[in-house]
Protein backbone atom coordinates (compact mmCIF):
# COMPACT_ATOMS: atom_id res chain seq x y z
CA MET A 1 115.89 166.47 38.17
CA SER A 2 112.22 166.37 37.34
CA ALA A 3 110.85 164.11 34.66
CA TYR A 4 109.46 167.62 33.15
CA ARG A 5 113.08 169.01 33.24
CA ALA A 6 114.34 165.70 31.72
CA VAL A 7 112.02 165.96 28.98
CA ALA A 8 112.75 169.52 28.21
CA CYS A 9 116.42 169.43 28.24
CA LEU A 10 117.15 167.84 24.93
CA GLY A 11 118.31 170.24 22.10
CA LEU A 12 116.51 172.26 19.53
CA ALA A 13 112.81 171.68 18.33
CA VAL A 14 110.03 173.73 16.41
CA ALA A 15 106.47 174.21 17.38
CA TRP A 16 104.97 173.38 14.04
CA ILE A 17 103.10 170.10 14.66
CA GLY A 18 99.39 170.70 14.44
CA LEU A 19 99.83 174.04 12.75
CA ALA A 20 97.83 174.42 9.37
CA PRO A 21 100.36 175.74 6.61
CA PRO A 22 99.25 178.27 4.03
CA LEU A 23 97.94 176.73 0.71
CA LEU A 24 100.82 177.93 -1.31
CA ALA A 25 104.11 176.20 -1.32
CA LYS A 26 107.13 178.38 -0.59
CA SER A 27 110.24 178.58 1.47
CA LEU A 28 109.41 179.80 5.05
CA SER A 29 110.60 183.30 6.26
CA PHE A 30 111.06 184.41 9.72
CA ASP A 31 107.81 186.49 9.36
CA GLU A 32 105.85 183.48 8.09
CA VAL A 33 106.88 180.98 10.94
CA VAL A 34 105.87 183.96 13.53
CA GLN A 35 102.47 183.94 11.82
CA LEU A 36 102.09 180.21 11.92
CA MET A 37 103.05 180.36 15.64
CA GLY A 38 100.29 183.03 16.24
CA TYR A 39 102.68 185.28 17.83
CA SER A 40 101.51 188.87 18.77
CA ASP A 41 103.58 191.96 17.72
CA GLU A 42 104.62 192.08 21.04
CA GLN A 43 105.77 188.67 21.27
CA LYS A 44 107.56 189.01 17.77
CA LYS A 45 109.45 191.92 19.04
CA ALA A 46 110.47 190.18 22.29
CA LEU A 47 111.75 187.16 20.27
CA ILE A 48 114.01 189.60 17.94
CA ARG A 49 115.27 191.23 21.32
CA GLY A 50 116.50 187.67 22.44
CA GLU A 51 113.60 186.99 24.94
CA ILE A 52 112.28 183.54 25.28
CA VAL A 53 108.69 183.35 24.04
CA ALA A 54 107.07 180.01 25.39
CA THR A 55 103.53 178.62 24.56
CA ASP A 56 101.44 175.58 25.40
CA LEU A 57 100.34 173.66 22.23
CA GLU A 58 97.02 171.49 21.94
CA ARG A 59 97.44 167.91 22.89
CA THR A 60 95.76 165.12 21.25
CA ARG A 61 96.45 162.57 23.98
CA GLU A 62 96.02 162.75 27.79
CA ASP A 63 99.47 161.28 28.32
CA GLN A 64 101.16 164.06 26.16
CA LEU A 65 103.28 166.99 27.36
CA TYR A 66 103.49 169.38 24.49
CA ALA A 67 105.05 172.99 24.48
CA ALA A 68 107.17 175.35 22.42
CA VAL A 69 109.47 178.29 22.71
CA GLY A 70 111.05 180.67 20.33
CA THR A 71 113.95 182.95 20.56
CA ARG A 72 116.77 184.68 18.96
CA LEU A 73 120.53 183.55 19.11
CA ASP A 74 123.73 185.34 18.54
CA GLU A 75 125.35 182.45 16.36
CA PRO A 76 124.87 182.23 12.44
CA LEU A 77 123.04 179.19 11.13
CA ALA A 78 126.48 177.38 10.04
CA ASP A 79 127.80 177.14 13.40
CA LEU A 80 124.36 176.16 14.97
CA ALA A 81 124.10 173.38 12.16
CA GLU A 82 127.66 172.09 13.09
CA ASN A 83 126.90 171.98 16.84
CA ALA A 84 123.89 169.96 16.25
CA ARG A 85 125.45 167.52 14.01
CA ASN A 86 128.14 166.97 16.87
CA GLY A 87 125.59 166.63 19.51
CA VAL A 88 126.57 169.66 21.43
CA ASN A 89 122.92 169.89 22.52
CA ILE A 90 123.10 166.88 24.19
CA GLU A 91 126.67 167.47 25.70
CA SER A 92 125.70 170.79 27.31
CA ASP A 93 122.41 169.41 28.67
CA PRO A 94 123.02 169.94 32.45
CA GLY A 95 120.91 166.50 32.79
CA THR A 96 123.21 164.59 30.81
CA GLU A 97 125.59 162.34 32.92
CA ALA A 98 127.14 160.74 30.25
CA PHE A 99 126.62 160.00 26.60
CA GLY A 100 128.42 158.41 23.47
CA VAL A 101 127.74 158.16 19.66
CA LEU A 102 126.45 154.67 18.54
CA SER A 103 127.62 153.72 14.91
CA PRO A 104 125.77 151.06 12.81
CA GLU A 105 128.60 148.96 12.68
CA GLY A 106 130.15 149.20 16.19
CA TYR A 107 127.15 149.79 18.49
CA ARG A 108 127.45 146.68 20.41
CA GLU A 109 131.10 147.41 21.35
CA GLU A 110 130.36 151.17 21.96
CA LEU A 111 127.64 150.14 24.39
CA ALA A 112 130.17 148.88 26.61
CA ALA A 113 130.53 152.41 27.83
CA VAL A 114 126.95 152.37 29.31
CA VAL A 115 127.48 151.60 32.96
CA PHE A 116 125.57 152.21 36.13
CA PRO A 117 128.29 153.58 38.66
CA GLU A 118 128.44 152.09 42.01
CA SER A 119 126.89 155.33 43.22
CA ALA A 120 123.52 154.03 41.74
CA ARG A 121 123.05 151.13 44.18
CA ARG A 122 119.56 151.78 44.67
CA GLU A 123 118.98 151.32 40.74
CA ILE A 124 121.20 148.56 40.52
CA ASN A 125 119.06 146.67 43.22
CA ARG A 126 115.76 147.56 41.56
CA LEU A 127 116.94 145.88 38.27
CA LEU A 128 118.20 142.90 40.46
CA ARG A 129 114.46 142.29 41.39
CA VAL A 130 113.20 143.53 38.06
CA ARG A 131 109.39 142.83 37.15
CA ALA A 132 106.95 143.92 34.46
CA ASP A 133 105.36 146.67 36.80
CA GLY A 134 106.23 149.99 35.52
CA THR A 135 109.41 150.66 37.50
CA PHE A 136 111.24 150.43 33.98
CA ASN A 137 110.38 150.45 30.53
CA LEU A 138 110.69 147.03 29.33
CA SER A 139 109.03 144.45 27.11
CA LYS A 140 108.22 141.13 28.76
CA PRO A 141 111.02 139.32 26.88
CA GLU A 142 113.49 141.95 28.05
CA VAL A 143 112.21 141.55 31.56
CA ASP A 144 112.74 137.83 31.31
CA ALA A 145 116.37 138.28 29.84
CA LEU A 146 117.46 140.37 32.69
CA ARG A 147 116.07 138.05 35.15
CA ALA A 148 117.75 135.28 33.55
CA ALA A 149 121.27 137.10 33.25
CA LEU A 150 121.04 138.26 36.76
CA LYS A 151 119.56 135.31 38.60
CA ASP A 152 122.85 134.36 40.41
CA VAL A 153 123.66 138.19 41.48
CA LYS A 154 122.77 139.35 44.79
CA PRO A 155 122.53 142.80 46.16
CA GLY A 156 125.66 143.96 47.66
CA ASP A 157 127.90 141.47 45.45
CA ALA A 158 131.23 142.98 44.61
CA GLY A 159 130.21 142.55 40.69
CA ALA A 160 126.76 143.48 41.15
CA ALA A 161 127.22 146.97 39.22
CA ALA A 162 129.21 145.33 36.38
CA ALA A 163 126.72 142.24 35.96
CA VAL A 164 123.70 144.75 35.89
CA SER A 165 125.60 147.03 33.31
CA LYS A 166 126.37 144.12 30.89
CA ALA A 167 122.84 142.72 31.10
CA TYR A 168 121.32 146.33 30.37
CA GLN A 169 123.84 146.69 27.64
CA ASP A 170 122.42 143.72 25.90
CA VAL A 171 119.04 145.03 26.14
CA LEU A 172 119.86 148.47 24.51
CA ALA A 173 121.71 146.65 21.96
CA GLY A 174 118.54 144.76 20.99
CA ARG A 175 116.75 147.98 20.88
CA VAL A 176 119.49 149.53 18.67
CA GLU A 177 119.55 146.62 16.22
CA ALA A 178 115.90 146.52 15.81
CA TYR A 179 115.56 150.41 15.34
CA LEU A 180 118.50 150.38 12.72
CA ALA A 181 116.67 147.60 10.84
CA LYS A 182 113.16 148.96 11.00
CA GLY A 183 112.60 152.22 12.62
CA LEU A 184 109.63 152.99 14.18
CA SER A 185 108.21 149.58 13.49
CA GLY A 186 111.05 148.08 15.44
CA ILE A 187 110.39 149.79 18.70
CA ALA A 188 109.02 147.14 21.21
CA ASP A 189 106.22 147.93 23.68
CA TYR A 190 106.71 148.30 27.27
CA ASP A 191 105.04 145.85 29.65
CA HIS A 192 103.82 147.64 32.98
CA GLY A 193 102.29 144.74 34.32
CA GLY A 194 99.07 144.61 32.18
CA ASP A 195 99.40 147.90 30.73
CA ARG A 196 101.16 147.82 27.43
CA LEU A 197 102.55 151.29 26.67
CA LYS A 198 103.38 151.76 22.70
CA PRO A 199 106.32 154.21 22.24
CA ALA A 200 106.21 153.40 18.51
CA ASP A 201 102.40 154.57 18.24
CA GLN A 202 103.41 157.88 20.24
CA LEU A 203 106.29 158.78 17.78
CA GLN A 204 104.09 157.74 14.91
CA MET A 205 101.41 160.02 15.83
CA ILE A 206 103.80 163.06 16.15
CA GLU A 207 105.34 162.17 12.87
CA GLN A 208 101.84 161.95 10.90
CA ARG A 209 100.77 165.14 12.74
CA SER A 210 103.76 166.88 11.28
CA GLU A 211 103.63 165.50 7.67
CA GLU A 212 101.46 168.01 6.15
CA PHE A 213 103.89 170.67 7.36
CA PHE A 214 106.93 168.95 6.06
CA GLU A 215 105.50 168.22 2.84
CA GLN A 216 104.54 171.77 2.26
CA TYR A 217 107.86 173.31 3.20
CA TYR A 218 110.84 170.76 3.59
CA PRO A 219 109.47 167.54 1.85
CA GLU A 220 113.00 165.82 1.92
CA PHE A 221 113.52 166.08 5.47
CA GLY A 222 109.97 165.17 6.37
CA ARG A 223 110.39 162.00 4.17
CA ALA A 224 113.80 161.14 5.44
CA VAL A 225 112.23 161.29 9.06
CA ALA A 226 109.11 159.21 8.31
CA GLU A 227 110.90 156.68 6.25
CA TYR A 228 114.05 155.98 8.18
CA PRO A 229 116.14 153.92 7.97
CA LYS A 230 115.08 153.91 4.10
CA GLY A 231 115.34 156.91 1.77
CA GLN A 232 118.27 158.73 3.56
CA PRO A 233 119.67 161.38 1.29
CA ASP A 234 123.15 162.43 1.79
CA SER A 235 122.14 165.95 2.67
CA ILE A 236 120.63 164.65 6.20
CA SER A 237 123.06 163.55 8.71
CA ASN A 238 121.79 160.68 10.96
CA ARG A 239 123.65 159.67 14.27
CA LEU A 240 122.40 157.69 17.21
CA TYR A 241 123.37 158.47 20.83
CA TRP A 242 122.87 156.61 24.15
CA ILE A 243 122.51 159.05 26.98
CA ARG A 244 122.66 158.64 30.72
CA ARG A 245 120.34 161.09 32.36
CA ASP A 246 119.06 162.11 35.93
CA VAL A 247 115.39 161.55 35.89
CA GLU A 248 113.46 162.06 39.00
CA GLY A 249 116.48 161.40 41.21
CA ARG A 250 117.17 158.12 39.26
CA PRO A 251 119.81 157.29 36.28
CA ALA A 252 117.80 156.73 33.04
CA LEU A 253 119.34 155.32 29.97
CA VAL A 254 118.13 157.11 26.82
CA LEU A 255 118.53 155.96 23.29
CA ALA A 256 118.13 158.94 20.78
CA HIS A 257 118.25 159.41 17.09
CA GLN A 258 119.15 162.80 15.69
CA MET A 259 118.94 164.13 12.23
CA VAL A 260 120.26 167.43 10.87
CA GLN A 261 119.70 169.27 7.57
CA GLU A 262 121.41 172.44 6.61
CA GLY A 263 120.22 174.20 3.98
CA GLU A 264 121.13 177.74 2.57
CA ASP A 265 118.63 179.62 4.83
CA PHE A 266 117.54 177.09 7.31
CA VAL A 267 118.63 174.23 9.58
CA LEU A 268 116.31 171.70 10.55
CA LEU A 269 116.94 169.11 13.40
CA SER A 270 114.93 166.10 14.70
CA GLN A 271 115.57 164.26 17.76
CA ARG A 272 113.38 161.18 18.50
CA GLN A 273 114.12 159.32 21.96
CA PHE A 274 113.04 155.78 20.83
CA PHE A 275 113.90 154.10 24.27
CA VAL A 276 113.69 155.71 27.50
CA GLY A 277 114.48 153.76 30.77
CA HIS A 278 111.76 154.91 32.94
CA THR A 279 109.41 157.69 33.80
CA TYR A 280 108.50 158.81 30.29
CA GLN A 281 108.06 156.66 27.30
CA SER A 282 109.45 158.63 24.40
CA LEU A 283 109.86 162.08 23.16
CA GLN A 284 110.12 163.81 19.79
CA ALA A 285 111.92 167.14 19.34
CA TYR A 286 112.07 169.20 16.09
CA ALA A 287 113.81 172.54 15.56
CA LEU A 288 113.69 175.12 12.74
CA LEU A 289 116.41 177.73 12.75
CA LEU A 290 116.25 180.87 10.26
CA PRO A 291 118.48 183.41 9.65
CA LEU A 292 117.90 186.89 11.55
CA GLU A 293 119.85 189.89 11.30
CA ASN A 294 123.10 189.28 13.24
CA GLY A 295 122.27 185.81 14.47
CA SER A 296 119.68 183.19 14.07
CA ALA A 297 115.87 182.68 15.17
CA LEU A 298 115.09 179.49 16.87
CA PHE A 299 111.74 177.86 17.01
CA PHE A 300 111.75 174.95 19.41
CA PHE A 301 109.15 172.17 19.98
CA ASN A 302 108.85 169.34 22.38
CA SER A 303 106.42 166.57 22.54
CA ALA A 304 106.64 163.93 25.49
CA PHE A 305 104.62 161.18 26.62
CA THR A 306 104.21 159.84 30.15
CA ASP A 307 101.63 157.84 31.89
CA LYS A 308 102.61 160.04 35.01
CA VAL A 309 99.90 162.64 33.76
CA ALA A 310 97.10 160.07 32.50
CA GLY A 311 94.11 158.80 34.47
CA LEU A 312 92.66 159.95 37.58
CA PHE A 313 93.14 164.06 38.14
CA SER A 314 94.86 163.93 34.88
CA GLY A 315 93.62 167.27 33.88
CA VAL A 316 95.36 168.72 37.00
CA ALA A 317 98.52 166.87 36.56
CA GLN A 318 98.63 167.88 32.87
CA SER A 319 98.26 171.53 34.00
CA VAL A 320 101.23 171.20 36.23
CA GLY A 321 103.22 169.25 33.91
CA GLN A 322 102.74 171.79 31.18
CA GLY A 323 103.50 174.58 33.46
CA ARG A 324 106.82 172.80 34.48
CA LEU A 325 107.62 171.73 30.93
CA ARG A 326 107.23 175.45 29.59
CA ARG A 327 109.28 176.83 32.39
CA ASP A 328 112.14 174.24 31.90
CA LEU A 329 112.19 175.09 28.15
CA GLN A 330 112.89 178.41 29.04
CA LYS A 331 115.55 177.49 31.39
CA TYR A 332 117.25 175.20 28.91
CA ILE A 333 117.30 177.66 26.02
CA GLU A 334 119.13 180.15 28.62
CA GLY A 335 121.52 177.49 29.11
CA VAL A 336 122.01 176.86 25.33
CA ARG A 337 122.82 180.58 25.01
CA GLU A 338 125.16 180.84 27.56
CA GLU A 339 127.03 177.58 26.46
CA SER A 340 127.31 179.10 22.99
CA GLN A 341 128.51 182.41 24.18
CA GLN A 342 131.46 180.92 26.04
C-alpha cells in the first residue's frame, strides 16, 4: 500500500479547513456546506446521486497533502454515528492489519497486543539497528531506549520478534501517557538525523486553521478538539486506538485519537493520528455528516504531513501526491459504501 493510500484510508473527514464561514452564526444545512465547498450545481447534483466529488484544497506548507471529498450515503445519521463511535471506519479499512482500543486505565496492558509478526523480519531487523536517520519516526530518547533494550538481540534470534515488539510497546506506552496527560503539547518531535520534525506543530496548525469554522457552527466540538484532554463534555466520545497498517510495504504502528459528537441533525468526527511509525508524520481527519433525503451527506477532509514531498522537486512530488491522495480518497469512500451495504 502506498503512503498516499495509507493516509487516505482513515475514516470520515470534512473539507472545511481554510474555508471562511458566513458572518451570521447559524446551524449549517446541506446547501450551506455545498456553498462553502464551492461546488457547482453539477457537482451538487452528482453528490446527491451518490457520486463522489473530490477536490484539492490549498496547502499552507510544502510537506502537506490536503484533499477532500463529498458524497451521499444511504445510512441514517444515527447508524453512522454509532459506527464511528465503535471504530468501524478503522476496522473496515483494507490497510488495517490489526487494531485495538486503548483505555486510559489499561493502555499498557492493552498494548501487549501490538506485535511485529515473524513475517515482518525485515522490519524487525531494521529496528535492531535503529538510528535517528529517518527510517523510523522516533525521538532521540526513544531511539536510545530501543537500542539499550535490544543491545543483546541479534537478527535471526528465536526471540527477536518478541523482544522488538516489547521494546516498541514501551515506546508507544510513553507516547500514549504523554498524550493523555498533555494532548498536543505532549507529542515529542521526531529526530531524523539532524532534522527535527514536529508533528505537534503540524496538528496545531490544522486545529488553528479550523478554529473559526468550529467557533461559528460547532463551538463545543471545536473547543473539545483544541483543549483535549481538558474540557471534554459528555456529549463527545473520546477513544484512542493502536493501528498496525501497511504503509509502503512496511508495517507501521499508528496511535490515533477519535472524537465523535452526534447532534439532532449532524454528526461530527475528528481523527488525529498523533504518532505514526514511519513515512508520514501526522494526520488530521474531520467529517461532517448531515441529513439528506433517504440517507446522509458526507463531507470528508484529510490533511497529512510527510517530508517525502518536501524539498527538491517538491512541486512535482506534491502534484503527484495530491493526485494519488484524491484518487485514494475516492476509492476509500467506495469501500465505506460497500461495507455499509453488507
